[in-house]
PDB file of N, CA and C in Angstrom:
ATOM      1  N   GLU A   1       0.855  -1.189   0.000  1.00  0.00           N
ATOM      2  CA  GLU A   1       0.000   0.000   0.000  1.00  0.00           C
ATOM      3  C   GLU A   1       0.892   1.240   0.000  1.00  0.00           C
ATOM      4  N   PRO A   2       0.711   2.142  -0.987  1.00  0.00           N
ATOM      5  CA  PRO A   2       1.546   3.345  -1.020  1.00  0.00           C
ATOM      6  C   PRO A   2       1.228   4.277   0.142  1.00  0.00           C
ATOM      7  N   ALA A   3       2.196   5.107   0.467  1.00  0.00           N
ATOM      8  CA  ALA A   3       1.998   6.083   1.543  1.00  0.00           C
ATOM      9  C   ALA A   3       0.908   7.071   1.139  1.00  0.00           C
ATOM     10  N   ALA A   4       0.189   7.576   2.118  1.00  0.00           N
ATOM     11  CA  ALA A   4      -0.875   8.550   1.843  1.00  0.00           C
ATOM     12  C   ALA A   4      -0.251   9.822   1.276  1.00  0.00           C
ATOM     13  N   PRO A   5      -0.905  10.411   0.271  1.00  0.00           N
ATOM     14  CA  PRO A   5      -0.368  11.648  -0.307  1.00  0.00           C
ATOM     15  C   PRO A   5      -0.555  12.822   0.642  1.00  0.00           C
ATOM     16  N   ARG A   6       0.175  13.904   0.400  1.00  0.00           N
ATOM     17  CA  ARG A   6      -0.053  15.141   1.165  1.00  0.00           C
ATOM     18  C   ARG A   6      -1.414  15.666   0.772  1.00  0.00           C
ATOM     19  N   LEU A   7      -2.249  15.893   1.742  1.00  0.00           N
ATOM     20  CA  LEU A   7      -3.625  16.285   1.466  1.00  0.00           C
ATOM     21  C   LEU A   7      -3.747  17.798   1.403  1.00  0.00           C
ATOM     22  N   GLU A   8      -3.408  18.336   0.233  1.00  0.00           N
ATOM     23  CA  GLU A   8      -3.501  19.767  -0.027  1.00  0.00           C
ATOM     24  C   GLU A   8      -4.201  19.965  -1.358  1.00  0.00           C
ATOM     25  N   GLY A   9      -4.936  21.044  -1.476  1.00  0.00           N
ATOM     26  CA  GLY A   9      -5.607  21.334  -2.739  1.00  0.00           C
ATOM     27  C   GLY A   9      -7.019  20.797  -2.747  1.00  0.00           C
ATOM     28  N   PHE A  10      -7.299  19.876  -3.703  1.00  0.00           N
ATOM     29  CA  PHE A  10      -8.646  19.343  -3.875  1.00  0.00           C
ATOM     30  C   PHE A  10      -8.578  17.857  -4.189  1.00  0.00           C
ATOM     31  N   ALA A  11      -9.668  17.174  -3.943  1.00  0.00           N
ATOM     32  CA  ALA A  11      -9.799  15.758  -4.284  1.00  0.00           C
ATOM     33  C   ALA A  11     -11.209  15.544  -4.833  1.00  0.00           C
ATOM     34  N   VAL A  12     -11.426  14.376  -5.404  1.00  0.00           N
ATOM     35  CA  VAL A  12     -12.755  13.994  -5.873  1.00  0.00           C
ATOM     36  C   VAL A  12     -13.232  12.841  -5.007  1.00  0.00           C
ATOM     37  N   GLN A  13     -14.300  13.067  -4.267  1.00  0.00           N
ATOM     38  CA  GLN A  13     -14.896  12.018  -3.439  1.00  0.00           C
ATOM     39  C   GLN A  13     -15.591  11.034  -4.371  1.00  0.00           C
ATOM     40  N   VAL A  14     -15.086   9.808  -4.414  1.00  0.00           N
ATOM     41  CA  VAL A  14     -15.648   8.774  -5.284  1.00  0.00           C
ATOM     42  C   VAL A  14     -16.720   7.990  -4.544  1.00  0.00           C
ATOM     43  N   GLY A  15     -16.490   7.715  -3.265  1.00  0.00           N
ATOM     44  CA  GLY A  15     -17.473   6.979  -2.479  1.00  0.00           C
ATOM     45  C   GLY A  15     -16.944   6.687  -1.095  1.00  0.00           C
ATOM     46  N   ALA A  16     -17.842   6.152  -0.263  1.00  0.00           N
ATOM     47  CA  ALA A  16     -17.478   5.687   1.081  1.00  0.00           C
ATOM     48  C   ALA A  16     -18.049   4.276   1.212  1.00  0.00           C
ATOM     49  N   PHE A  17     -17.206   3.335   1.574  1.00  0.00           N
ATOM     50  CA  PHE A  17     -17.565   1.919   1.508  1.00  0.00           C
ATOM     51  C   PHE A  17     -17.397   1.210   2.840  1.00  0.00           C
ATOM     52  N   ARG A  18     -18.347   0.337   3.153  1.00  0.00           N
ATOM     53  CA  ARG A  18     -18.202  -0.612   4.258  1.00  0.00           C
ATOM     54  C   ARG A  18     -17.760  -1.957   3.705  1.00  0.00           C
ATOM     55  N   ASP A  19     -18.185  -2.254   2.491  1.00  0.00           N
ATOM     56  CA  ASP A  19     -17.915  -3.529   1.835  1.00  0.00           C
ATOM     57  C   ASP A  19     -16.573  -3.463   1.102  1.00  0.00           C
ATOM     58  N   GLU A  20     -15.632  -4.287   1.534  1.00  0.00           N
ATOM     59  CA  GLU A  20     -14.277  -4.294   0.969  1.00  0.00           C
ATOM     60  C   GLU A  20     -14.282  -4.685  -0.516  1.00  0.00           C
ATOM     61  N   THR A  21     -15.197  -5.560  -0.910  1.00  0.00           N
ATOM     62  CA  THR A  21     -15.274  -5.994  -2.308  1.00  0.00           C
ATOM     63  C   THR A  21     -15.687  -4.840  -3.216  1.00  0.00           C
ATOM     64  N   LYS A  22     -16.671  -4.057  -2.773  1.00  0.00           N
ATOM     65  CA  LYS A  22     -17.117  -2.903  -3.564  1.00  0.00           C
ATOM     66  C   LYS A  22     -16.032  -1.841  -3.622  1.00  0.00           C
ATOM     67  N   LEU A  23     -15.336  -1.641  -2.512  1.00  0.00           N
ATOM     68  CA  LEU A  23     -14.218  -0.696  -2.479  1.00  0.00           C
ATOM     69  C   LEU A  23     -13.156  -1.107  -3.487  1.00  0.00           C
ATOM     70  N   GLN A  24     -12.786  -2.377  -3.476  1.00  0.00           N
ATOM     71  CA  GLN A  24     -11.740  -2.841  -4.386  1.00  0.00           C
ATOM     72  C   GLN A  24     -12.180  -2.721  -5.840  1.00  0.00           C
ATOM     73  N   ALA A  25     -13.444  -2.975  -6.124  1.00  0.00           N
ATOM     74  CA  ALA A  25     -13.949  -2.835  -7.495  1.00  0.00           C
ATOM     75  C   ALA A  25     -13.834  -1.386  -7.966  1.00  0.00           C
ATOM     76  N   ALA A  26     -14.178  -0.441  -7.094  1.00  0.00           N
ATOM     77  CA  ALA A  26     -14.067   0.982  -7.443  1.00  0.00           C
ATOM     78  C   ALA A  26     -12.608   1.375  -7.626  1.00  0.00           C
ATOM     79  N   ARG A  27     -11.729   0.868  -6.768  1.00  0.00           N
ATOM     80  CA  ARG A  27     -10.288   1.163  -6.897  1.00  0.00           C
ATOM     81  C   ARG A  27      -9.750   0.617  -8.212  1.00  0.00           C
ATOM     82  N   ASP A  28     -10.182  -0.575  -8.583  1.00  0.00           N
ATOM     83  CA  ASP A  28      -9.733  -1.173  -9.843  1.00  0.00           C
ATOM     84  C   ASP A  28     -10.149  -0.316 -11.034  1.00  0.00           C
ATOM     85  N   LYS A  29     -11.358   0.246 -10.973  1.00  0.00           N
ATOM     86  CA  LYS A  29     -11.829   1.117 -12.057  1.00  0.00           C
ATOM     87  C   LYS A  29     -10.992   2.393 -12.135  1.00  0.00           C
ATOM     88  N   LEU A  30     -10.638   2.948 -10.977  1.00  0.00           N
ATOM     89  CA  LEU A  30      -9.787   4.143 -10.971  1.00  0.00           C
ATOM     90  C   LEU A  30      -8.398   3.822 -11.525  1.00  0.00           C
ATOM     91  N   LYS A  31      -7.866   2.652 -11.157  1.00  0.00           N
ATOM     92  CA  LYS A  31      -6.559   2.238 -11.684  1.00  0.00           C
ATOM     93  C   LYS A  31      -6.625   2.093 -13.193  1.00  0.00           C
ATOM     94  N   ALA A  32      -7.687   1.462 -13.694  1.00  0.00           N
ATOM     95  CA  ALA A  32      -7.840   1.259 -15.135  1.00  0.00           C
ATOM     96  C   ALA A  32      -7.935   2.594 -15.875  1.00  0.00           C
ATOM     97  N   ALA A  33      -8.538   3.600 -15.215  1.00  0.00           N
ATOM     98  CA  ALA A  33      -8.656   4.932 -15.813  1.00  0.00           C
ATOM     99  C   ALA A  33      -7.383   5.755 -15.589  1.00  0.00           C
ATOM    100  N   ARG A  34      -6.402   5.171 -14.913  1.00  0.00           N
ATOM    101  CA  ARG A  34      -5.113   5.810 -14.619  1.00  0.00           C
ATOM    102  C   ARG A  34      -5.272   7.099 -13.815  1.00  0.00           C
ATOM    103  N   LEU A  35      -6.158   7.026 -12.817  1.00  0.00           N
ATOM    104  CA  LEU A  35      -6.384   8.167 -11.934  1.00  0.00           C
ATOM    105  C   LEU A  35      -5.758   7.879 -10.571  1.00  0.00           C
ATOM    106  N   ALA A  36      -4.916   8.803 -10.107  1.00  0.00           N
ATOM    107  CA  ALA A  36      -4.323   8.668  -8.780  1.00  0.00           C
ATOM    108  C   ALA A  36      -5.446   8.701  -7.756  1.00  0.00           C
ATOM    109  N   HIS A  37      -5.331   7.874  -6.725  1.00  0.00           N
ATOM    110  CA  HIS A  37      -6.380   7.826  -5.707  1.00  0.00           C
ATOM    111  C   HIS A  37      -5.795   7.348  -4.380  1.00  0.00           C
ATOM    112  N   TYR A  38      -6.590   7.521  -3.331  1.00  0.00           N
ATOM    113  CA  TYR A  38      -6.172   7.092  -2.002  1.00  0.00           C
ATOM    114  C   TYR A  38      -7.406   6.792  -1.173  1.00  0.00           C
ATOM    115  N   THR A  39      -7.204   6.117  -0.053  1.00  0.00           N
ATOM    116  CA  THR A  39      -8.308   5.801   0.849  1.00  0.00           C
ATOM    117  C   THR A  39      -8.044   6.407   2.217  1.00  0.00           C
ATOM    118  N   GLU A  40      -9.136   6.647   2.938  1.00  0.00           N
ATOM    119  CA  GLU A  40      -9.073   7.116   4.320  1.00  0.00           C
ATOM    120  C   GLU A  40     -10.087   6.325   5.119  1.00  0.00           C
ATOM    121  N   ARG A  41      -9.674   5.831   6.264  1.00  0.00           N
ATOM    122  CA  ARG A  41     -10.561   5.111   7.167  1.00  0.00           C
ATOM    123  C   ARG A  41     -11.242   6.141   8.058  1.00  0.00           C
ATOM    124  N   ILE A  42     -12.587   6.106   8.139  1.00  0.00           N
ATOM    125  CA  ILE A  42     -13.319   7.043   8.984  1.00  0.00           C
ATOM    126  C   ILE A  42     -14.309   6.278   9.854  1.00  0.00           C
ATOM    127  N   GLY A  43     -14.555   6.799  11.046  1.00  0.00           N
ATOM    128  CA  GLY A  43     -15.515   6.169  11.957  1.00  0.00           C
ATOM    129  C   GLY A  43     -14.872   5.120  12.842  1.00  0.00           C
ATOM    130  N   ALA A  44     -15.678   4.659  13.791  1.00  0.00           N
ATOM    131  CA  ALA A  44     -15.226   3.640  14.742  1.00  0.00           C
ATOM    132  C   ALA A  44     -15.426   2.248  14.144  1.00  0.00           C
ATOM    133  N   ASP A  45     -14.920   1.235  14.836  1.00  0.00           N
ATOM    134  CA  ASP A  45     -14.927  -0.143  14.335  1.00  0.00           C
ATOM    135  C   ASP A  45     -16.267  -0.582  13.753  1.00  0.00           C
ATOM    136  N   GLY A  46     -17.338  -0.511  14.516  1.00  0.00           N
ATOM    137  CA  GLY A  46     -18.634  -1.001  14.066  1.00  0.00           C
ATOM    138  C   GLY A  46     -19.208  -0.218  12.907  1.00  0.00           C
ATOM    139  N   GLY A  47     -18.971   1.102  12.866  1.00  0.00           N
ATOM    140  CA  GLY A  47     -19.525   1.931  11.808  1.00  0.00           C
ATOM    141  C   GLY A  47     -18.457   2.444  10.865  1.00  0.00           C
ATOM    142  N   ALA A  48     -17.331   1.745  10.817  1.00  0.00           N
ATOM    143  CA  ALA A  48     -16.205   2.230  10.017  1.00  0.00           C
ATOM    144  C   ALA A  48     -16.516   2.203   8.526  1.00  0.00           C
ATOM    145  N   LEU A  49     -16.095   3.256   7.874  1.00  0.00           N
ATOM    146  CA  LEU A  49     -16.196   3.368   6.425  1.00  0.00           C
ATOM    147  C   LEU A  49     -14.803   3.622   5.876  1.00  0.00           C
ATOM    148  N   THR A  50     -14.604   3.264   4.629  1.00  0.00           N
ATOM    149  CA  THR A  50     -13.383   3.624   3.944  1.00  0.00           C
ATOM    150  C   THR A  50     -13.763   4.579   2.829  1.00  0.00           C
ATOM    151  N   ARG A  51     -13.239   5.784   2.921  1.00  0.00           N
ATOM    152  CA  ARG A  51     -13.517   6.827   1.932  1.00  0.00           C
ATOM    153  C   ARG A  51     -12.524   6.664   0.788  1.00  0.00           C
ATOM    154  N   LEU A  52     -13.041   6.678  -0.433  1.00  0.00           N
ATOM    155  CA  LEU A  52     -12.200   6.570  -1.625  1.00  0.00           C
ATOM    156  C   LEU A  52     -12.234   7.902  -2.359  1.00  0.00           C
ATOM    157  N   ARG A  53     -11.061   8.454  -2.567  1.00  0.00           N
ATOM    158  CA  ARG A  53     -10.943   9.745  -3.243  1.00  0.00           C
ATOM    159  C   ARG A  53      -9.896   9.683  -4.335  1.00  0.00           C
ATOM    160  N   ALA A  54     -10.157  10.402  -5.411  1.00  0.00           N
ATOM    161  CA  ALA A  54      -9.167  10.569  -6.476  1.00  0.00           C
ATOM    162  C   ALA A  54      -8.404  11.851  -6.183  1.00  0.00           C
ATOM    163  N   GLY A  55      -7.113  11.828  -6.447  1.00  0.00           N
ATOM    164  CA  GLY A  55      -6.320  13.021  -6.217  1.00  0.00           C
ATOM    165  C   GLY A  55      -5.129  12.731  -5.341  1.00  0.00           C
ATOM    166  N   PRO A  56      -4.634  13.739  -4.668  1.00  0.00           N
ATOM    167  CA  PRO A  56      -5.080  15.131  -4.636  1.00  0.00           C
ATOM    168  C   PRO A  56      -4.655  15.901  -5.882  1.00  0.00           C
ATOM    169  N   TYR A  57      -5.357  17.007  -6.129  1.00  0.00           N
ATOM    170  CA  TYR A  57      -5.108  17.887  -7.267  1.00  0.00           C
ATOM    171  C   TYR A  57      -4.785  19.283  -6.739  1.00  0.00           C
ATOM    172  N   PRO A  58      -3.855  19.988  -7.377  1.00  0.00           N
ATOM    173  CA  PRO A  58      -3.434  21.298  -6.862  1.00  0.00           C
ATOM    174  C   PRO A  58      -4.488  22.391  -7.021  1.00  0.00           C
ATOM    175  N   THR A  59      -5.379  22.253  -8.016  1.00  0.00           N
ATOM    176  CA  THR A  59      -6.375  23.292  -8.258  1.00  0.00           C
ATOM    177  C   THR A  59      -7.763  22.681  -8.400  1.00  0.00           C
ATOM    178  N   ARG A  60      -8.788  23.505  -8.194  1.00  0.00           N
ATOM    179  CA  ARG A  60     -10.162  23.040  -8.385  1.00  0.00           C
ATOM    180  C   ARG A  60     -10.386  22.651  -9.846  1.00  0.00           C
ATOM    181  N   GLU A  61      -9.774  23.391 -10.766  1.00  0.00           N
ATOM    182  CA  GLU A  61      -9.924  23.092 -12.190  1.00  0.00           C
ATOM    183  C   GLU A  61      -9.423  21.679 -12.501  1.00  0.00           C
ATOM    184  N   ALA A  62      -8.278  21.310 -11.960  1.00  0.00           N
ATOM    185  CA  ALA A  62      -7.733  19.970 -12.183  1.00  0.00           C
ATOM    186  C   ALA A  62      -8.649  18.908 -11.577  1.00  0.00           C
ATOM    187  N   ALA A  63      -9.191  19.190 -10.400  1.00  0.00           N
ATOM    188  CA  ALA A  63     -10.117  18.249  -9.759  1.00  0.00           C
ATOM    189  C   ALA A  63     -11.412  18.137 -10.555  1.00  0.00           C
ATOM    190  N   ASP A  64     -11.900  19.248 -11.101  1.00  0.00           N
ATOM    191  CA  ASP A  64     -13.112  19.217 -11.934  1.00  0.00           C
ATOM    192  C   ASP A  64     -12.885  18.344 -13.171  1.00  0.00           C
ATOM    193  N   LYS A  65     -11.711  18.433 -13.782  1.00  0.00           N
ATOM    194  CA  LYS A  65     -11.392  17.598 -14.946  1.00  0.00           C
ATOM    195  C   LYS A  65     -11.368  16.120 -14.559  1.00  0.00           C
ATOM    196  N   ALA A  66     -10.803  15.826 -13.402  1.00  0.00           N
ATOM    197  CA  ALA A  66     -10.772  14.438 -12.933  1.00  0.00           C
ATOM    198  C   ALA A  66     -12.190  13.937 -12.650  1.00  0.00           C
ATOM    199  N   ALA A  67     -13.019  14.782 -12.042  1.00  0.00           N
ATOM    200  CA  ALA A  67     -14.406  14.392 -11.759  1.00  0.00           C
ATOM    201  C   ALA A  67     -15.146  14.080 -13.058  1.00  0.00           C
ATOM    202  N   ALA A  68     -14.899  14.882 -14.095  1.00  0.00           N
ATOM    203  CA  ALA A  68     -15.522  14.644 -15.402  1.00  0.00           C
ATOM    204  C   ALA A  68     -15.053  13.300 -15.980  1.00  0.00           C
ATOM    205  N   ALA A  69     -13.770  12.993 -15.833  1.00  0.00           N
ATOM    206  CA  ALA A  69     -13.235  11.719 -16.321  1.00  0.00           C
ATOM    207  C   ALA A  69     -13.841  10.548 -15.555  1.00  0.00           C
ATOM    208  N   ILE A  70     -14.044  10.721 -14.261  1.00  0.00           N
ATOM    209  CA  ILE A  70     -14.642   9.672 -13.425  1.00  0.00           C
ATOM    210  C   ILE A  70     -16.087   9.420 -13.858  1.00  0.00           C
ATOM    211  N   ARG A  71     -16.820  10.491 -14.107  1.00  0.00           N
ATOM    212  CA  ARG A  71     -18.209  10.345 -14.578  1.00  0.00           C
ATOM    213  C   ARG A  71     -18.243   9.692 -15.961  1.00  0.00           C
ATOM    214  N   LYS A  72     -17.381  10.150 -16.854  1.00  0.00           N
ATOM    215  CA  LYS A  72     -17.342   9.626 -18.225  1.00  0.00           C
ATOM    216  C   LYS A  72     -17.023   8.132 -18.229  1.00  0.00           C
ATOM    217  N   ALA A  73     -16.153   7.707 -17.324  1.00  0.00           N
ATOM    218  CA  ALA A  73     -15.776   6.287 -17.213  1.00  0.00           C
ATOM    219  C   ALA A  73     -16.863   5.458 -16.532  1.00  0.00           C
ATOM    220  N   GLY A  74     -17.886   6.128 -16.002  1.00  0.00           N
ATOM    221  CA  GLY A  74     -18.976   5.409 -15.342  1.00  0.00           C
ATOM    222  C   GLY A  74     -18.602   4.859 -13.981  1.00  0.00           C
ATOM    223  N   ILE A  75     -17.606   5.453 -13.359  1.00  0.00           N
ATOM    224  CA  ILE A  75     -17.136   4.976 -12.060  1.00  0.00           C
ATOM    225  C   ILE A  75     -18.048   5.484 -10.937  1.00  0.00           C
ATOM    226  N   ALA A  76     -18.342   6.765 -10.946  1.00  0.00           N
ATOM    227  CA  ALA A  76     -19.163   7.386  -9.902  1.00  0.00           C
ATOM    228  C   ALA A  76     -19.523   8.796 -10.341  1.00  0.00           C
ATOM    229  N   GLU A  77     -20.414   9.414  -9.612  1.00  0.00           N
ATOM    230  CA  GLU A  77     -20.734  10.825  -9.868  1.00  0.00           C
ATOM    231  C   GLU A  77     -19.541  11.689  -9.510  1.00  0.00           C
ATOM    232  N   GLY A  78     -18.936  11.451  -8.377  1.00  0.00           N
ATOM    233  CA  GLY A  78     -17.764  12.209  -7.955  1.00  0.00           C
ATOM    234  C   GLY A  78     -18.087  13.638  -7.575  1.00  0.00           C
ATOM    235  N   GLN A  79     -17.621  14.033  -6.412  1.00  0.00           N
ATOM    236  CA  GLN A  79     -17.824  15.382  -5.909  1.00  0.00           C
ATOM    237  C   GLN A  79     -16.489  15.971  -5.528  1.00  0.00           C
ATOM    238  N   VAL A  80     -16.188  17.156  -6.048  1.00  0.00           N
ATOM    239  CA  VAL A  80     -14.939  17.834  -5.719  1.00  0.00           C
ATOM    240  C   VAL A  80     -15.016  18.367  -4.290  1.00  0.00           C
ATOM    241  N   VAL A  81     -13.995  18.059  -3.495  1.00  0.00           N
ATOM    242  CA  VAL A  81     -13.947  18.528  -2.104  1.00  0.00           C
ATOM    243  C   VAL A  81     -12.607  19.205  -1.853  1.00  0.00           C
ATOM    244  N   PRO A  82     -12.613  20.278  -1.052  1.00  0.00           N
ATOM    245  CA  PRO A  82     -11.346  20.923  -0.691  1.00  0.00           C
ATOM    246  C   PRO A  82     -10.621  20.085   0.358  1.00  0.00           C
ATOM    247  N   LEU A  83      -9.310  20.168   0.336  1.00  0.00           N
ATOM    248  CA  LEU A  83      -8.499  19.481   1.339  1.00  0.00           C
ATOM    249  C   LEU A  83      -7.842  20.532   2.208  1.00  0.00           C
ATOM    250  N   PRO A  84      -7.525  20.359   3.427  1.00  0.00           N
ATOM    251  CA  PRO A  84      -6.962  19.156   3.973  1.00  0.00           C
ATOM    252  C   PRO A  84      -7.995  18.178   4.295  1.00  0.00           C
TER     253      PRO A  84
END
């Protein structure tokens, strides 16, 4: 597993998953589309989710382009979010 990127700029929220199989399927689609991405674990054990985001991107414009590529590939709707 690669180290988490520096969370600056913007990212595209692809989804939040409890199911590891669905998470991996979404990650595989991002890899196939050659989009940089990372995961973040949120919540406590019983309600834990894994957030999947594409990025980070230095500008909102770059994140908007990535979100468009994610939609075009049929991966997810994708929402641009500011970081940290």
